Amino acid sequence: MFPFMPPSPSQMMRLGLRSSVMLAEAQAVIAMRMAGMMGIWPVSPDENARMISEKLAALQEAHVAVMTAAMKGASPTAMAEAALRPVRRRTKANAARLARQISG
């Protein structure tokens, strides 16, 4: 077993920044979807079903990523980043897709 090495300040800053960006994108997606439900923002008819189904896929992908990192002996920070990556990929894509719908 590897001895526990606390994360460096730069690792914590990077993880914090990536988490903050993902949370900001998630909040934007929530706002656009809520506006779509109220008829203020143009969203596709399948958006409500999509917002439910994508969460399960993201959770499964994040679980596999963090477990794979853990089995390779990754640090806790690296495991957190591995779990964050698939979630961030979806929030980024959703924010961009929903923002484009206003012009389309």
N, C-alpha and C. Protein backbone atom coordinates (compact mmCIF):
# COMPACT_ATOMS: atom_id res chain seq x y z
N MET A 1 0.84 -1.18 0.00
CA MET A 1 0.00 0.00 0.00
C MET A 1 0.88 1.24 0.00
N PHE A 2 0.47 2.24 -0.74
CA PHE A 2 1.23 3.48 -0.83
C PHE A 2 0.95 4.37 0.38
N PRO A 3 1.96 5.07 0.87
CA PRO A 3 1.69 6.01 1.96
C PRO A 3 0.88 7.19 1.44
N PHE A 4 0.05 7.73 2.30
CA PHE A 4 -0.78 8.87 1.88
C PHE A 4 0.07 10.10 1.73
N MET A 5 -0.01 10.71 0.58
CA MET A 5 0.69 11.97 0.32
C MET A 5 -0.37 13.04 0.14
N PRO A 6 -0.37 14.06 0.99
CA PRO A 6 -1.38 15.10 0.83
C PRO A 6 -1.18 15.83 -0.50
N PRO A 7 -2.28 16.29 -1.08
CA PRO A 7 -2.16 16.99 -2.37
C PRO A 7 -1.41 18.30 -2.22
N SER A 8 -0.73 18.68 -3.27
CA SER A 8 -0.01 19.95 -3.26
C SER A 8 -1.01 21.10 -3.43
N PRO A 9 -0.61 22.29 -3.06
CA PRO A 9 -1.52 23.43 -3.25
C PRO A 9 -1.93 23.63 -4.71
N SER A 10 -1.00 23.37 -5.64
CA SER A 10 -1.36 23.54 -7.07
C SER A 10 -2.38 22.50 -7.51
N GLN A 11 -2.27 21.26 -6.99
CA GLN A 11 -3.25 20.24 -7.32
C GLN A 11 -4.63 20.63 -6.78
N MET A 12 -4.66 21.14 -5.58
CA MET A 12 -5.94 21.56 -4.98
C MET A 12 -6.54 22.75 -5.73
N MET A 13 -5.69 23.68 -6.15
CA MET A 13 -6.19 24.83 -6.91
C MET A 13 -6.77 24.38 -8.25
N ARG A 14 -6.06 23.48 -8.92
CA ARG A 14 -6.54 22.99 -10.22
C ARG A 14 -7.88 22.25 -10.06
N LEU A 15 -7.97 21.38 -9.06
CA LEU A 15 -9.21 20.66 -8.82
C LEU A 15 -10.34 21.62 -8.45
N GLY A 16 -10.03 22.60 -7.62
CA GLY A 16 -11.04 23.58 -7.24
C GLY A 16 -11.52 24.40 -8.42
N LEU A 17 -10.60 24.80 -9.28
CA LEU A 17 -10.97 25.59 -10.47
C LEU A 17 -11.81 24.76 -11.42
N ARG A 18 -11.41 23.53 -11.68
CA ARG A 18 -12.18 22.67 -12.59
C ARG A 18 -13.56 22.37 -12.03
N SER A 19 -13.64 22.17 -10.73
CA SER A 19 -14.94 21.95 -10.09
C SER A 19 -15.82 23.18 -10.20
N SER A 20 -15.22 24.35 -9.98
CA SER A 20 -15.99 25.60 -10.05
C SER A 20 -16.52 25.85 -11.44
N VAL A 21 -15.71 25.58 -12.45
CA VAL A 21 -16.16 25.77 -13.84
C VAL A 21 -17.31 24.82 -14.15
N MET A 22 -17.18 23.56 -13.72
CA MET A 22 -18.25 22.59 -13.95
C MET A 22 -19.53 23.02 -13.25
N LEU A 23 -19.41 23.52 -12.03
CA LEU A 23 -20.60 23.95 -11.29
C LEU A 23 -21.26 25.17 -11.95
N ALA A 24 -20.46 26.09 -12.47
CA ALA A 24 -21.01 27.26 -13.16
C ALA A 24 -21.74 26.82 -14.44
N GLU A 25 -21.14 25.89 -15.17
CA GLU A 25 -21.80 25.38 -16.39
C GLU A 25 -23.09 24.64 -16.03
N ALA A 26 -23.05 23.86 -14.97
CA ALA A 26 -24.25 23.13 -14.55
C ALA A 26 -25.36 24.11 -14.18
N GLN A 27 -25.00 25.17 -13.49
CA GLN A 27 -26.01 26.17 -13.11
C GLN A 27 -26.60 26.85 -14.35
N ALA A 28 -25.77 27.12 -15.35
CA ALA A 28 -26.26 27.72 -16.59
C ALA A 28 -27.21 26.76 -17.30
N VAL A 29 -26.87 25.47 -17.32
CA VAL A 29 -27.73 24.46 -17.95
C VAL A 29 -29.06 24.39 -17.21
N ILE A 30 -29.02 24.38 -15.90
CA ILE A 30 -30.26 24.33 -15.11
C ILE A 30 -31.12 25.55 -15.42
N ALA A 31 -30.51 26.72 -15.47
CA ALA A 31 -31.26 27.94 -15.75
C ALA A 31 -31.90 27.90 -17.13
N MET A 32 -31.14 27.46 -18.13
CA MET A 32 -31.69 27.40 -19.49
C MET A 32 -32.80 26.36 -19.59
N ARG A 33 -32.63 25.22 -18.93
CA ARG A 33 -33.68 24.20 -18.97
C ARG A 33 -34.93 24.66 -18.24
N MET A 34 -34.77 25.34 -17.13
CA MET A 34 -35.94 25.87 -16.40
C MET A 34 -36.66 26.91 -17.27
N ALA A 35 -35.88 27.77 -17.90
CA ALA A 35 -36.48 28.76 -18.80
C ALA A 35 -37.19 28.06 -19.95
N GLY A 36 -36.63 26.95 -20.43
CA GLY A 36 -37.28 26.18 -21.48
C GLY A 36 -38.58 25.58 -21.02
N MET A 37 -38.63 25.10 -19.78
CA MET A 37 -39.87 24.54 -19.25
C MET A 37 -40.96 25.61 -19.12
N MET A 38 -40.54 26.85 -18.90
CA MET A 38 -41.51 27.94 -18.77
C MET A 38 -41.85 28.56 -20.11
N GLY A 39 -41.19 28.12 -21.18
CA GLY A 39 -41.47 28.65 -22.50
C GLY A 39 -40.70 29.92 -22.83
N ILE A 40 -39.73 30.27 -22.02
CA ILE A 40 -38.95 31.49 -22.24
C ILE A 40 -37.75 31.22 -23.14
N TRP A 41 -37.18 30.02 -23.08
CA TRP A 41 -35.98 29.65 -23.81
C TRP A 41 -36.34 28.52 -24.77
N PRO A 42 -35.95 28.60 -26.02
CA PRO A 42 -36.30 27.53 -26.96
C PRO A 42 -35.47 26.27 -26.73
N VAL A 43 -36.12 25.21 -26.33
CA VAL A 43 -35.44 23.92 -26.14
C VAL A 43 -36.18 22.86 -26.94
N SER A 44 -35.48 21.78 -27.23
CA SER A 44 -36.11 20.70 -28.00
C SER A 44 -37.13 19.97 -27.12
N PRO A 45 -38.12 19.34 -27.73
CA PRO A 45 -39.15 18.65 -26.96
C PRO A 45 -38.63 17.51 -26.09
N ASP A 46 -37.51 16.92 -26.47
CA ASP A 46 -36.98 15.80 -25.68
C ASP A 46 -36.01 16.23 -24.58
N GLU A 47 -35.92 17.52 -24.31
CA GLU A 47 -34.96 18.03 -23.32
C GLU A 47 -35.23 17.51 -21.91
N ASN A 48 -36.49 17.41 -21.52
CA ASN A 48 -36.80 16.93 -20.17
C ASN A 48 -36.36 15.48 -19.98
N ALA A 49 -36.61 14.64 -20.96
CA ALA A 49 -36.18 13.25 -20.87
C ALA A 49 -34.65 13.16 -20.91
N ARG A 50 -34.05 14.01 -21.70
CA ARG A 50 -32.60 14.00 -21.82
C ARG A 50 -31.91 14.36 -20.51
N MET A 51 -32.47 15.33 -19.79
CA MET A 51 -31.82 15.75 -18.56
C MET A 51 -31.86 14.67 -17.50
N ILE A 52 -32.80 13.76 -17.59
CA ILE A 52 -32.86 12.64 -16.65
C ILE A 52 -31.89 11.53 -17.08
N SER A 53 -31.96 11.14 -18.34
CA SER A 53 -31.17 10.00 -18.81
C SER A 53 -29.67 10.27 -18.78
N GLU A 54 -29.26 11.50 -19.05
CA GLU A 54 -27.82 11.78 -19.12
C GLU A 54 -27.15 11.71 -17.75
N LYS A 55 -27.91 11.94 -16.69
CA LYS A 55 -27.32 11.90 -15.36
C LYS A 55 -26.86 10.49 -14.98
N LEU A 56 -27.65 9.50 -15.33
CA LEU A 56 -27.26 8.12 -15.04
C LEU A 56 -26.00 7.74 -15.81
N ALA A 57 -25.94 8.11 -17.07
CA ALA A 57 -24.76 7.79 -17.89
C ALA A 57 -23.52 8.50 -17.34
N ALA A 58 -23.66 9.76 -16.94
CA ALA A 58 -22.52 10.50 -16.39
C ALA A 58 -22.06 9.88 -15.08
N LEU A 59 -23.00 9.48 -14.25
CA LEU A 59 -22.65 8.87 -12.97
C LEU A 59 -21.92 7.54 -13.18
N GLN A 60 -22.40 6.75 -14.10
CA GLN A 60 -21.74 5.48 -14.39
C GLN A 60 -20.33 5.69 -14.92
N GLU A 61 -20.18 6.64 -15.82
CA GLU A 61 -18.87 6.93 -16.39
C GLU A 61 -17.90 7.46 -15.32
N ALA A 62 -18.40 8.33 -14.45
CA ALA A 62 -17.57 8.86 -13.37
C ALA A 62 -17.16 7.76 -12.41
N HIS A 63 -18.08 6.85 -12.12
CA HIS A 63 -17.78 5.73 -11.22
C HIS A 63 -16.68 4.85 -11.79
N VAL A 64 -16.79 4.51 -13.05
CA VAL A 64 -15.76 3.69 -13.70
C VAL A 64 -14.41 4.42 -13.69
N ALA A 65 -14.44 5.71 -13.98
CA ALA A 65 -13.19 6.49 -14.03
C ALA A 65 -12.51 6.55 -12.67
N VAL A 66 -13.28 6.80 -11.61
CA VAL A 66 -12.66 6.91 -10.29
C VAL A 66 -12.18 5.55 -9.80
N MET A 67 -12.91 4.49 -10.09
CA MET A 67 -12.48 3.16 -9.66
C MET A 67 -11.23 2.71 -10.44
N THR A 68 -11.18 3.04 -11.71
CA THR A 68 -9.99 2.71 -12.51
C THR A 68 -8.77 3.45 -11.96
N ALA A 69 -8.94 4.72 -11.66
CA ALA A 69 -7.84 5.51 -11.09
C ALA A 69 -7.41 4.94 -9.74
N ALA A 70 -8.37 4.55 -8.93
CA ALA A 70 -8.05 4.00 -7.61
C ALA A 70 -7.28 2.68 -7.74
N MET A 71 -7.70 1.83 -8.68
CA MET A 71 -7.02 0.56 -8.86
C MET A 71 -5.60 0.73 -9.38
N LYS A 72 -5.34 1.86 -10.03
CA LYS A 72 -3.99 2.15 -10.52
C LYS A 72 -3.14 2.83 -9.45
N GLY A 73 -3.73 3.06 -8.27
CA GLY A 73 -2.99 3.69 -7.19
C GLY A 73 -2.88 5.19 -7.30
N ALA A 74 -3.83 5.81 -7.97
CA ALA A 74 -3.80 7.27 -8.14
C ALA A 74 -4.02 7.97 -6.80
N SER A 75 -3.59 9.20 -6.75
CA SER A 75 -3.78 10.01 -5.55
C SER A 75 -5.26 10.38 -5.42
N PRO A 76 -5.68 10.78 -4.24
CA PRO A 76 -7.08 11.22 -4.09
C PRO A 76 -7.45 12.37 -5.02
N THR A 77 -6.52 13.28 -5.25
CA THR A 77 -6.79 14.39 -6.17
C THR A 77 -6.97 13.89 -7.59
N ALA A 78 -6.13 12.96 -8.01
CA ALA A 78 -6.26 12.39 -9.36
C ALA A 78 -7.56 11.61 -9.51
N MET A 79 -7.97 10.93 -8.45
CA MET A 79 -9.24 10.20 -8.50
C MET A 79 -10.41 11.18 -8.62
N ALA A 80 -10.35 12.28 -7.88
CA ALA A 80 -11.42 13.28 -7.97
C ALA A 80 -11.47 13.89 -9.36
N GLU A 81 -10.31 14.17 -9.95
CA GLU A 81 -10.28 14.72 -11.30
C GLU A 81 -10.81 13.72 -12.32
N ALA A 82 -10.50 12.45 -12.12
CA ALA A 82 -11.01 11.41 -13.03
C ALA A 82 -12.53 11.34 -12.96
N ALA A 83 -13.08 11.45 -11.78
CA ALA A 83 -14.54 11.41 -11.62
C ALA A 83 -15.19 12.67 -12.19
N LEU A 84 -14.50 13.78 -12.09
CA LEU A 84 -15.05 15.06 -12.56
C LEU A 84 -15.07 15.15 -14.08
N ARG A 85 -14.11 14.51 -14.73
CA ARG A 85 -13.95 14.65 -16.18
C ARG A 85 -15.21 14.31 -16.98
N PRO A 86 -15.87 13.16 -16.78
CA PRO A 86 -17.07 12.88 -17.59
C PRO A 86 -18.24 13.81 -17.26
N VAL A 87 -18.33 14.25 -16.03
CA VAL A 87 -19.40 15.17 -15.65
C VAL A 87 -19.16 16.51 -16.33
N ARG A 88 -17.93 16.99 -16.28
CA ARG A 88 -17.59 18.27 -16.90
C ARG A 88 -17.79 18.23 -18.41
N ARG A 89 -17.46 17.10 -19.02
CA ARG A 89 -17.65 16.97 -20.47
C ARG A 89 -19.13 17.18 -20.83
N ARG A 90 -20.02 16.63 -20.01
CA ARG A 90 -21.46 16.78 -20.28
C ARG A 90 -21.97 18.18 -19.98
N THR A 91 -21.53 18.77 -18.87
CA THR A 91 -22.02 20.12 -18.56
C THR A 91 -21.55 21.11 -19.62
N LYS A 92 -20.31 20.95 -20.07
CA LYS A 92 -19.78 21.84 -21.11
C LYS A 92 -20.57 21.69 -22.41
N ALA A 93 -20.81 20.45 -22.80
CA ALA A 93 -21.55 20.19 -24.04
C ALA A 93 -22.99 20.68 -23.94
N ASN A 94 -23.63 20.45 -22.80
CA ASN A 94 -25.01 20.90 -22.63
C ASN A 94 -25.13 22.42 -22.64
N ALA A 95 -24.22 23.09 -21.97
CA ALA A 95 -24.25 24.56 -21.94
C ALA A 95 -24.10 25.12 -23.35
N ALA A 96 -23.17 24.56 -24.10
CA ALA A 96 -22.96 25.04 -25.48
C ALA A 96 -24.16 24.73 -26.36
N ARG A 97 -24.69 23.51 -26.24
CA ARG A 97 -25.83 23.12 -27.08
C ARG A 97 -27.06 23.97 -26.78
N LEU A 98 -27.36 24.15 -25.50
CA LEU A 98 -28.54 24.95 -25.15
C LEU A 98 -28.38 26.41 -25.52
N ALA A 99 -27.18 26.94 -25.39
CA ALA A 99 -26.94 28.33 -25.78
C ALA A 99 -27.10 28.52 -27.28
N ARG A 100 -26.71 27.52 -28.07
CA ARG A 100 -26.87 27.61 -29.53
C ARG A 100 -28.34 27.58 -29.95
N GLN A 101 -29.19 26.95 -29.15
CA GLN A 101 -30.59 26.81 -29.53
C GLN A 101 -31.32 28.16 -29.58
N ILE A 102 -30.81 29.15 -28.90
CA ILE A 102 -31.48 30.46 -28.92
C ILE A 102 -31.41 31.07 -30.33
N SER A 103 -30.32 30.75 -31.05
CA SER A 103 -30.18 31.33 -32.39
C SER A 103 -30.73 30.40 -33.47
N GLY A 104 -31.03 29.16 -33.08
CA GLY A 104 -31.48 28.20 -34.08
C GLY A 104 -32.91 28.00 -33.99
